[in-house]
Amino acid sequence: MTSDAEARLVEAKDRAWLGEVAALEESLRHLRQRRADAEQQLRALSSGVTAT
């Protein structure tokens, strides 16, 4: 999903779709944060610590 959004962001910037650029940048921030959260939970689970 992230790579698709990144490709769409490049196209939006190339075509000067400023509203779309802002929306895609926000979507990418959200996707990256969710990935980081998931990776942190996996690390915690693999080390035997549970996150609350």
N, C-alpha and C. Protein backbone atom coordinates (compact mmCIF):
# COMPACT_ATOMS: atom_id res chain seq x y z
N MET A 1 0.81 -1.19 0.00
CA MET A 1 0.00 0.00 0.00
C MET A 1 0.86 1.26 0.00
N THR A 2 1.93 1.22 0.76
CA THR A 2 2.78 2.40 0.85
C THR A 2 3.40 2.73 -0.50
N SER A 3 3.90 1.71 -1.21
CA SER A 3 4.54 1.99 -2.50
C SER A 3 3.53 2.53 -3.51
N ASP A 4 2.29 2.06 -3.46
CA ASP A 4 1.25 2.58 -4.36
C ASP A 4 0.97 4.05 -4.03
N ALA A 5 0.86 4.36 -2.75
CA ALA A 5 0.61 5.75 -2.35
C ALA A 5 1.79 6.64 -2.73
N GLU A 6 3.00 6.12 -2.60
CA GLU A 6 4.18 6.91 -2.99
C GLU A 6 4.17 7.19 -4.49
N ALA A 7 3.79 6.20 -5.29
CA ALA A 7 3.71 6.40 -6.74
C ALA A 7 2.64 7.42 -7.08
N ARG A 8 1.51 7.35 -6.41
CA ARG A 8 0.44 8.32 -6.64
C ARG A 8 0.87 9.72 -6.22
N LEU A 9 1.65 9.80 -5.15
CA LEU A 9 2.15 11.10 -4.69
C LEU A 9 3.06 11.72 -5.74
N VAL A 10 3.94 10.94 -6.32
CA VAL A 10 4.83 11.45 -7.37
C VAL A 10 3.99 11.97 -8.54
N GLU A 11 2.99 11.21 -8.95
CA GLU A 11 2.14 11.66 -10.06
C GLU A 11 1.40 12.94 -9.69
N ALA A 12 0.87 13.00 -8.48
CA ALA A 12 0.14 14.20 -8.06
C ALA A 12 1.04 15.42 -8.04
N LYS A 13 2.29 15.25 -7.60
CA LYS A 13 3.22 16.38 -7.60
C LYS A 13 3.55 16.80 -9.03
N ASP A 14 3.77 15.80 -9.91
CA ASP A 14 4.08 16.11 -11.31
C ASP A 14 2.96 16.88 -11.98
N ARG A 15 1.73 16.56 -11.62
CA ARG A 15 0.57 17.19 -12.26
C ARG A 15 0.03 18.38 -11.48
N ALA A 16 0.72 18.72 -10.38
CA ALA A 16 0.35 19.87 -9.54
C ALA A 16 -1.05 19.74 -8.96
N TRP A 17 -1.41 18.52 -8.55
CA TRP A 17 -2.69 18.29 -7.88
C TRP A 17 -2.47 18.51 -6.39
N LEU A 18 -2.47 19.77 -5.96
CA LEU A 18 -2.04 20.12 -4.62
C LEU A 18 -2.91 19.51 -3.54
N GLY A 19 -4.22 19.47 -3.75
CA GLY A 19 -5.10 18.85 -2.77
C GLY A 19 -4.81 17.37 -2.62
N GLU A 20 -4.55 16.72 -3.74
CA GLU A 20 -4.22 15.30 -3.72
C GLU A 20 -2.86 15.06 -3.06
N VAL A 21 -1.91 15.96 -3.29
CA VAL A 21 -0.59 15.84 -2.66
C VAL A 21 -0.74 15.86 -1.15
N ALA A 22 -1.49 16.80 -0.64
CA ALA A 22 -1.68 16.91 0.81
C ALA A 22 -2.35 15.66 1.37
N ALA A 23 -3.36 15.17 0.70
CA ALA A 23 -4.07 13.97 1.18
C ALA A 23 -3.17 12.75 1.14
N LEU A 24 -2.38 12.60 0.10
CA LEU A 24 -1.48 11.45 -0.01
C LEU A 24 -0.36 11.53 1.03
N GLU A 25 0.15 12.72 1.27
CA GLU A 25 1.18 12.86 2.30
C GLU A 25 0.64 12.46 3.67
N GLU A 26 -0.59 12.84 3.96
CA GLU A 26 -1.22 12.46 5.23
C GLU A 26 -1.43 10.95 5.28
N SER A 27 -1.88 10.36 4.19
CA SER A 27 -2.08 8.91 4.14
C SER A 27 -0.76 8.18 4.36
N LEU A 28 0.31 8.66 3.74
CA LEU A 28 1.62 8.03 3.91
C LEU A 28 2.10 8.13 5.36
N ARG A 29 1.89 9.28 5.99
CA ARG A 29 2.27 9.41 7.40
C ARG A 29 1.52 8.39 8.25
N HIS A 30 0.24 8.23 7.99
CA HIS A 30 -0.59 7.28 8.73
C HIS A 30 -0.11 5.84 8.48
N LEU A 31 0.12 5.49 7.22
CA LEU A 31 0.57 4.14 6.90
C LEU A 31 1.92 3.82 7.55
N ARG A 32 2.82 4.77 7.51
CA ARG A 32 4.15 4.55 8.11
C ARG A 32 4.05 4.41 9.62
N GLN A 33 3.16 5.19 10.25
CA GLN A 33 2.99 5.08 11.69
C GLN A 33 2.38 3.73 12.06
N ARG A 34 1.41 3.28 11.29
CA ARG A 34 0.80 1.98 11.56
C ARG A 34 1.82 0.85 11.39
N ARG A 35 2.68 0.96 10.38
CA ARG A 35 3.72 -0.04 10.19
C ARG A 35 4.69 -0.05 11.36
N ALA A 36 5.10 1.14 11.80
CA ALA A 36 6.02 1.23 12.93
C ALA A 36 5.38 0.65 14.20
N ASP A 37 4.10 0.93 14.42
CA ASP A 37 3.40 0.38 15.58
C ASP A 37 3.35 -1.14 15.51
N ALA A 38 3.05 -1.68 14.34
CA ALA A 38 2.97 -3.14 14.17
C ALA A 38 4.34 -3.78 14.39
N GLU A 39 5.39 -3.17 13.86
CA GLU A 39 6.74 -3.71 14.04
C GLU A 39 7.14 -3.68 15.52
N GLN A 40 6.75 -2.63 16.23
CA GLN A 40 7.06 -2.53 17.65
C GLN A 40 6.33 -3.63 18.42
N GLN A 41 5.08 -3.88 18.07
CA GLN A 41 4.33 -4.94 18.74
C GLN A 41 4.94 -6.30 18.46
N LEU A 42 5.38 -6.53 17.24
CA LEU A 42 6.02 -7.80 16.91
C LEU A 42 7.31 -8.00 17.69
N ARG A 43 8.10 -6.94 17.79
CA ARG A 43 9.34 -7.03 18.58
C ARG A 43 9.04 -7.34 20.03
N ALA A 44 8.01 -6.69 20.58
CA ALA A 44 7.64 -6.92 21.97
C ALA A 44 7.18 -8.36 22.17
N LEU A 45 6.39 -8.86 21.23
CA LEU A 45 5.90 -10.23 21.34
C LEU A 45 7.04 -11.23 21.22
N SER A 46 7.98 -10.97 20.34
CA SER A 46 9.09 -11.91 20.15
C SER A 46 10.05 -11.89 21.34
N SER A 47 10.04 -10.81 22.11
CA SER A 47 10.92 -10.76 23.28
C SER A 47 10.18 -11.19 24.55
N GLY A 48 8.90 -11.56 24.39
CA GLY A 48 8.14 -12.04 25.53
C GLY A 48 7.47 -10.96 26.34
N VAL A 49 7.49 -9.73 25.86
CA VAL A 49 6.86 -8.61 26.54
C VAL A 49 5.57 -8.28 25.81
N THR A 50 4.48 -8.09 26.54
CA THR A 50 3.23 -7.73 25.89
C THR A 50 2.98 -6.25 26.06
N ALA A 51 2.53 -5.61 25.00
CA ALA A 51 2.23 -4.18 25.04
C ALA A 51 0.79 -3.99 25.50
N THR A 52 0.55 -2.94 26.24
CA THR A 52 -0.81 -2.67 26.70
C THR A 52 -1.35 -1.44 26.06
